Amino acid sequence: MTIKQSCQTGSAGTKRPANKNKKLPPHPNAQMEIASVLWFLTDPPETARKVAPRSPERGASRKVTPFLVLVLQCTIGYGRISYNSIMWKTHSGPYTLRADQAHVWRVSCTSARAHLNAFQESLAEDERVRAARFHFEKGRENYVVARGVLRQLLGAYLAMPPAEVRLTYSAHGKPDLDTAHQSEFRFNLTHSGDMMLFAFARNARIGVDVERCRPDFDGQRIADRFFTEAESSALRAVHESKRVHAFTQQWTRKECFIKAHGEGLSYPLDTFSVLANEDETLCLDIRSVASDSLLWSIHDLQVGEEYAAALAVECADPNLNLFDWTSQE
């Protein structure tokens, strides 16, 4: 069965009704509201409540949350998305990345901060200038760690010293490899709390997002205003005790897809949906060009109890590898 067929039919192959979701009306303060959400989720307080992640196990005995039960009843798209049950592991061997693969690296800011001086030395002049502009030491150190680890990993993949990696930036500020490298590598990075994620692919756009769950944040209000009607309804049906993680997970699914496009907040959140059908297949529906949904896959990443994360890859079925970064990299 094709991806499109699997998302349009149930376990018995019955056709699903066409998508009749209506887009939410635009709000005059939409850009300001979304920007506030991004800031609010990026650096939550230390008192954030721990929310247990959804179990990655499959099978009839799997415990299904009320949110998942409702979401599995919704079929509104064609793209393929999966719940990820791949385990994180320590990297060994050469740094090779095939065209059908996607690599994600998980980094603890606290652990990586021990190499701050080495990371500082590897930065380009424009990165050092930007780091110096941070008013608070924590923000400055996190920036240096993020760029230092990124350069270290890119240098390993490209077989060159980290300091020799040359970066360029899009109109929206998304970093990319300079054309001088003549490389097919694409990458994206994200940071929240003590967690950083770095994602890599070849000849495919890629986006990753991690957010720390914040229990005092009204995610339903944001969903009602910016998500599709189906996504907002699904979240509203979640038990209040589970809604924080449910909203945060849904946000990362949408945010990683937007980040892969590199268009920032100019890509409206209500122009695509991420929901699941009865056979536990999550579906991506890009309303403007439905056929484009077939080109992408989105994966939930289990990164820690206090966090939600997701990955978007411009590849229908990538071979996903998850690595924990260590000081030996």
Protein backbone atom coordinates (compact mmCIF):
# COMPACT_ATOMS: atom_id res chain seq x y z
CA MET A 1 0.00 0.00 0.00
CA THR A 2 1.30 3.45 -0.89
CA ILE A 3 1.75 6.23 1.63
CA LYS A 4 -1.20 8.10 0.18
CA GLN A 5 -3.40 5.01 0.32
CA SER A 6 -2.40 4.16 3.88
CA CYS A 7 -3.46 7.62 5.06
CA GLN A 8 -6.74 7.65 3.13
CA THR A 9 -7.96 4.21 4.13
CA GLY A 10 -8.52 2.33 7.39
CA SER A 11 -7.35 -1.14 8.36
CA ALA A 12 -9.96 -2.69 6.10
CA GLY A 13 -9.15 -0.37 3.20
CA THR A 14 -12.29 1.76 3.57
CA LYS A 15 -12.07 5.19 2.02
CA ARG A 16 -12.05 8.12 4.41
CA PRO A 17 -14.20 11.23 3.80
CA ALA A 18 -12.47 14.16 2.18
CA ASN A 19 -10.91 16.76 4.39
CA LYS A 20 -13.43 19.46 5.20
CA ASN A 21 -11.45 21.39 7.78
CA LYS A 22 -11.84 25.14 7.60
CA LYS A 23 -8.90 27.43 8.15
CA LEU A 24 -9.09 29.64 11.21
CA PRO A 25 -9.51 33.36 10.47
CA PRO A 26 -6.28 35.35 10.57
CA HIS A 27 -5.56 37.40 13.65
CA PRO A 28 -4.07 40.90 13.40
CA ASN A 29 -1.46 40.11 16.05
CA ALA A 30 -0.57 36.67 14.70
CA GLN A 31 3.14 37.33 14.18
CA MET A 32 3.51 38.86 17.66
CA GLU A 33 1.59 36.00 19.30
CA ILE A 34 3.69 33.29 17.63
CA ALA A 35 6.92 35.09 18.47
CA SER A 36 5.78 35.17 22.10
CA VAL A 37 5.12 31.44 22.02
CA LEU A 38 8.61 30.75 20.68
CA TRP A 39 10.21 32.83 23.44
CA PHE A 40 7.92 31.40 26.12
CA LEU A 41 8.72 27.78 25.27
CA THR A 42 12.45 28.22 24.67
CA ASP A 43 13.52 29.03 28.23
CA PRO A 44 10.91 27.87 30.77
CA PRO A 45 11.50 28.10 34.54
CA GLU A 46 13.36 25.44 36.45
CA THR A 47 10.14 24.56 38.28
CA ALA A 48 8.56 23.15 35.12
CA ARG A 49 6.57 20.02 35.97
CA LYS A 50 7.78 16.70 34.68
CA VAL A 51 5.36 15.10 32.25
CA ALA A 52 5.77 11.43 31.41
CA PRO A 53 6.40 10.82 27.67
CA ARG A 54 4.18 8.59 25.61
CA SER A 55 5.35 4.97 25.60
CA PRO A 56 7.18 4.10 22.35
CA GLU A 57 6.20 0.45 22.53
CA ARG A 58 3.87 -0.97 19.94
CA GLY A 59 1.33 -3.73 20.14
CA ALA A 60 -2.09 -4.47 21.62
CA SER A 61 -0.87 -4.02 25.17
CA ARG A 62 0.32 -0.48 24.51
CA LYS A 63 -1.20 2.13 26.81
CA VAL A 64 -2.89 4.80 24.69
CA THR A 65 -3.55 8.28 26.03
CA PRO A 66 -6.91 10.02 25.45
CA PHE A 67 -5.13 12.47 23.12
CA LEU A 68 -3.78 9.66 20.98
CA VAL A 69 -7.17 7.93 20.86
CA LEU A 70 -8.78 11.04 19.43
CA VAL A 71 -5.95 11.88 17.07
CA LEU A 72 -5.97 8.36 15.63
CA GLN A 73 -9.58 8.95 14.58
CA CYS A 74 -8.59 11.88 12.37
CA THR A 75 -7.41 11.38 8.79
CA ILE A 76 -6.80 14.68 7.04
CA GLY A 77 -3.67 14.31 4.92
CA TYR A 78 -1.24 12.28 2.90
CA GLY A 79 2.30 12.76 4.21
CA ARG A 80 3.90 10.13 6.40
CA ILE A 81 4.83 10.73 10.02
CA SER A 82 5.93 8.19 12.61
CA TYR A 83 6.20 7.75 16.33
CA ASN A 84 9.88 7.12 16.90
CA SER A 85 10.95 4.12 18.98
CA ILE A 86 14.63 4.17 17.93
CA MET A 87 17.02 4.22 20.87
CA TRP A 88 19.70 6.86 21.33
CA LYS A 89 23.22 5.47 21.16
CA THR A 90 26.85 6.52 21.35
CA HIS A 91 28.45 7.09 17.96
CA SER A 92 31.30 4.84 16.85
CA GLY A 93 33.17 4.44 13.58
CA PRO A 94 33.51 6.88 10.67
CA TYR A 95 31.26 9.90 10.20
CA THR A 96 29.36 8.82 7.13
CA LEU A 97 25.88 9.90 6.10
CA ARG A 98 24.14 8.17 3.19
CA ALA A 99 21.55 9.90 1.04
CA ASP A 100 18.77 7.78 2.57
CA GLN A 101 19.80 8.57 6.16
CA ALA A 102 19.08 11.30 8.70
CA HIS A 103 21.26 11.75 11.79
CA VAL A 104 20.17 13.50 14.99
CA TRP A 105 22.58 14.34 17.81
CA ARG A 106 21.39 15.01 21.38
CA VAL A 107 23.58 17.33 23.46
CA SER A 108 23.46 18.39 27.11
CA CYS A 109 24.36 22.08 27.35
CA THR A 110 25.74 21.54 30.86
CA SER A 111 28.12 18.79 29.75
CA ALA A 112 29.21 20.56 26.56
CA ARG A 113 29.90 23.79 28.44
CA ALA A 114 33.08 22.17 29.81
CA HIS A 115 34.57 22.65 26.31
CA LEU A 116 33.60 26.31 26.04
CA ASN A 117 37.13 27.58 25.37
CA ALA A 118 37.74 25.10 22.55
CA PHE A 119 34.38 25.98 20.99
CA GLN A 120 35.17 29.68 21.23
CA GLU A 121 38.42 29.16 19.31
CA SER A 122 36.60 27.41 16.45
CA LEU A 123 34.10 30.23 15.82
CA ALA A 124 34.27 32.53 12.83
CA GLU A 125 34.72 36.25 13.44
CA ASP A 126 31.04 37.09 12.80
CA GLU A 127 30.01 34.40 15.32
CA ARG A 128 32.32 35.84 17.97
CA VAL A 129 30.85 39.29 17.39
CA ARG A 130 27.33 37.93 17.76
CA ALA A 131 28.26 36.01 20.92
CA ALA A 132 29.63 39.21 22.47
CA ARG A 133 26.26 40.93 21.96
CA PHE A 134 24.47 38.68 24.45
CA HIS A 135 23.70 40.58 27.64
CA PHE A 136 23.55 37.49 29.85
CA GLU A 137 26.36 35.02 30.33
CA LYS A 138 24.11 31.94 30.05
CA GLY A 139 22.77 33.04 26.67
CA ARG A 140 26.27 33.81 25.41
CA GLU A 141 27.62 30.44 26.55
CA ASN A 142 24.70 28.54 25.04
CA TYR A 143 25.29 30.26 21.69
CA VAL A 144 29.01 29.41 21.75
CA VAL A 145 28.25 25.78 22.68
CA ALA A 146 25.65 25.46 19.91
CA ARG A 147 27.96 26.86 17.22
CA GLY A 148 30.94 24.97 18.61
CA VAL A 149 29.19 21.58 18.56
CA LEU A 150 27.73 22.33 15.11
CA ARG A 151 31.19 23.11 13.73
CA GLN A 152 32.68 20.05 15.40
CA LEU A 153 30.08 17.74 13.86
CA LEU A 154 30.20 19.37 10.42
CA GLY A 155 33.99 19.19 10.52
CA ALA A 156 33.81 15.47 11.32
CA TYR A 157 31.38 14.79 8.45
CA LEU A 158 33.40 16.92 6.01
CA ALA A 159 36.79 15.68 7.28
CA MET A 160 38.15 19.14 8.09
CA PRO A 161 38.98 21.20 11.20
CA PRO A 162 35.90 22.84 12.78
CA ALA A 163 37.37 26.31 12.34
CA GLU A 164 37.58 25.83 8.57
CA VAL A 165 33.86 25.17 8.16
CA ARG A 166 32.32 28.13 6.34
CA LEU A 167 28.67 29.02 6.91
CA THR A 168 26.24 31.25 5.07
CA TYR A 169 22.78 32.48 6.05
CA SER A 170 19.39 32.74 4.34
CA ALA A 171 17.24 35.86 4.32
CA HIS A 172 15.48 34.48 7.42
CA GLY A 173 18.76 33.78 9.21
CA LYS A 174 18.89 30.01 8.73
CA PRO A 175 22.53 28.80 8.58
CA ASP A 176 23.76 26.60 5.74
CA LEU A 177 27.08 25.40 4.39
CA ASP A 178 28.86 27.85 2.11
CA THR A 179 28.77 26.84 -1.55
CA ALA A 180 32.58 26.76 -1.46
CA HIS A 181 32.32 23.37 0.27
CA GLN A 182 30.39 21.93 -2.70
CA SER A 183 28.60 19.70 -0.21
CA GLU A 184 25.17 18.07 -0.25
CA PHE A 185 24.88 18.30 3.54
CA ARG A 186 21.83 20.01 5.05
CA PHE A 187 21.43 20.61 8.75
CA ASN A 188 19.32 22.24 11.44
CA LEU A 189 19.66 22.80 15.18
CA THR A 190 17.41 23.60 18.12
CA HIS A 191 17.76 24.42 21.80
CA SER A 192 15.49 24.50 24.85
CA GLY A 193 16.45 24.37 28.52
CA ASP A 194 19.50 22.12 28.84
CA MET A 195 18.77 20.26 25.59
CA MET A 196 20.26 20.83 22.14
CA LEU A 197 19.52 18.77 19.03
CA PHE A 198 21.47 18.80 15.75
CA ALA A 199 20.00 17.16 12.63
CA PHE A 200 21.82 16.27 9.39
CA ALA A 201 20.76 14.96 5.97
CA ARG A 202 22.08 14.87 2.40
CA ASN A 203 20.24 16.40 -0.54
CA ALA A 204 17.14 16.83 1.62
CA ARG A 205 15.76 19.69 3.65
CA ILE A 206 15.64 18.91 7.35
CA GLY A 207 14.24 20.59 10.45
CA VAL A 208 14.29 19.72 14.14
CA ASP A 209 12.63 21.28 17.16
CA VAL A 210 12.76 20.63 20.91
CA GLU A 211 10.69 22.39 23.56
CA ARG A 212 10.66 22.05 27.31
CA CYS A 213 7.14 21.41 28.62
CA ARG A 214 5.79 24.37 30.57
CA PRO A 215 2.75 23.51 32.72
CA ASP A 216 1.68 27.12 33.32
CA PHE A 217 1.37 27.87 29.60
CA ASP A 218 -2.08 28.06 27.95
CA GLY A 219 -1.40 25.93 24.88
CA GLN A 220 -5.08 25.56 24.05
CA ARG A 221 -5.43 29.29 23.42
CA ILE A 222 -2.51 29.17 20.99
CA ALA A 223 -3.90 26.07 19.27
CA ASP A 224 -7.34 27.65 18.87
CA ARG A 225 -5.81 30.71 17.23
CA PHE A 226 -3.03 29.26 15.06
CA PHE A 227 -3.51 25.49 14.53
CA THR A 228 -6.00 23.91 12.15
CA GLU A 229 -9.50 23.30 13.47
CA ALA A 230 -8.92 19.53 13.62
CA GLU A 231 -5.69 19.92 15.61
CA SER A 232 -7.28 22.36 18.02
CA SER A 233 -10.25 20.06 18.59
CA ALA A 234 -7.96 17.10 19.22
CA LEU A 235 -6.04 19.03 21.85
CA ARG A 236 -9.22 20.26 23.52
CA ALA A 237 -10.29 16.63 24.09
CA VAL A 238 -7.11 15.79 26.01
CA HIS A 239 -7.37 15.40 29.76
CA GLU A 240 -6.09 18.53 31.47
CA SER A 241 -3.28 16.60 33.20
CA LYS A 242 -1.85 15.53 29.81
CA ARG A 243 -2.53 18.65 27.77
CA VAL A 244 0.82 20.32 28.43
CA HIS A 245 2.81 17.52 26.82
CA ALA A 246 0.20 17.02 24.09
CA PHE A 247 0.37 20.68 23.04
CA THR A 248 4.16 20.83 23.26
CA GLN A 249 4.52 17.68 21.14
CA GLN A 250 2.12 19.01 18.53
CA TRP A 251 3.94 22.33 18.46
CA THR A 252 7.30 20.66 17.76
CA ARG A 253 5.79 18.62 14.91
CA LYS A 254 4.65 21.79 13.21
CA GLU A 255 7.70 23.87 14.10
CA CYS A 256 10.23 21.34 12.74
CA PHE A 257 8.39 21.31 9.41
CA ILE A 258 8.48 25.11 9.23
CA LYS A 259 12.17 25.17 10.18
CA ALA A 260 12.99 22.71 7.39
CA HIS A 261 11.60 25.25 4.92
CA GLY A 262 13.68 28.04 6.43
CA GLU A 263 10.91 30.62 6.08
CA GLY A 264 10.52 31.51 9.75
CA LEU A 265 7.18 32.85 10.94
CA SER A 266 6.12 33.68 7.38
CA TYR A 267 4.92 30.05 7.00
CA PRO A 268 1.38 30.03 8.54
CA LEU A 269 0.72 27.27 11.08
CA ASP A 270 -2.83 26.68 9.86
CA THR A 271 -1.85 25.84 6.26
CA PHE A 272 -0.88 22.27 7.16
CA SER A 273 -2.00 19.64 9.65
CA VAL A 274 -0.30 16.82 11.54
CA LEU A 275 -2.75 14.16 12.75
CA ALA A 276 -3.07 10.38 12.85
CA ASN A 277 -5.52 7.75 11.63
CA GLU A 278 -6.79 4.49 13.14
CA ASP A 279 -3.86 2.33 12.05
CA GLU A 280 -1.46 4.52 14.05
CA THR A 281 -0.08 6.26 10.97
CA LEU A 282 0.37 9.98 11.45
CA CYS A 283 -0.38 12.06 8.38
CA LEU A 284 0.85 15.37 7.06
CA ASP A 285 -1.59 17.44 5.03
CA ILE A 286 -0.18 20.47 3.18
CA ARG A 287 -3.32 22.21 2.01
CA SER A 288 -1.78 24.40 -0.70
CA VAL A 289 -0.04 21.56 -2.60
CA ALA A 290 -1.28 18.19 -1.39
CA SER A 291 1.21 16.25 -3.53
CA ASP A 292 4.11 17.83 -1.62
CA SER A 293 2.98 15.99 1.50
CA LEU A 294 4.25 12.75 -0.05
CA LEU A 295 7.80 14.09 -0.11
CA TRP A 296 8.09 14.50 3.67
CA SER A 297 8.22 12.43 6.83
CA ILE A 298 7.95 13.70 10.40
CA HIS A 299 9.11 11.78 13.46
CA ASP A 300 8.49 12.22 17.17
CA LEU A 301 11.75 12.09 19.13
CA GLN A 302 11.81 10.83 22.73
CA VAL A 303 14.48 13.04 24.29
CA GLY A 304 13.58 13.26 27.99
CA GLU A 305 10.67 13.46 30.40
CA GLU A 306 10.53 17.27 30.52
CA TYR A 307 10.77 17.75 26.75
CA ALA A 308 8.97 17.13 23.47
CA ALA A 309 10.80 17.01 20.14
CA ALA A 310 10.18 16.21 16.49
CA LEU A 311 12.09 15.91 13.21
CA ALA A 312 11.00 16.75 9.65
CA VAL A 313 12.89 15.31 6.66
CA GLU A 314 12.28 15.81 2.97
CA CYS A 315 12.37 12.05 2.47
CA ALA A 316 9.40 9.68 2.58
CA ASP A 317 11.14 6.93 4.56
CA PRO A 318 14.59 7.93 5.91
CA ASN A 319 16.89 5.62 7.82
CA LEU A 320 16.97 7.48 11.13
CA ASN A 321 20.00 7.33 13.45
CA LEU A 322 20.01 8.96 16.91
CA PHE A 323 23.29 9.73 18.69
CA ASP A 324 24.22 11.08 22.11
CA TRP A 325 27.05 13.59 21.80
CA THR A 326 30.04 13.03 24.08
CA SER A 327 33.27 14.92 24.73
CA GLN A 328 35.06 12.27 22.65
CA GLU A 329 33.42 13.41 19.41
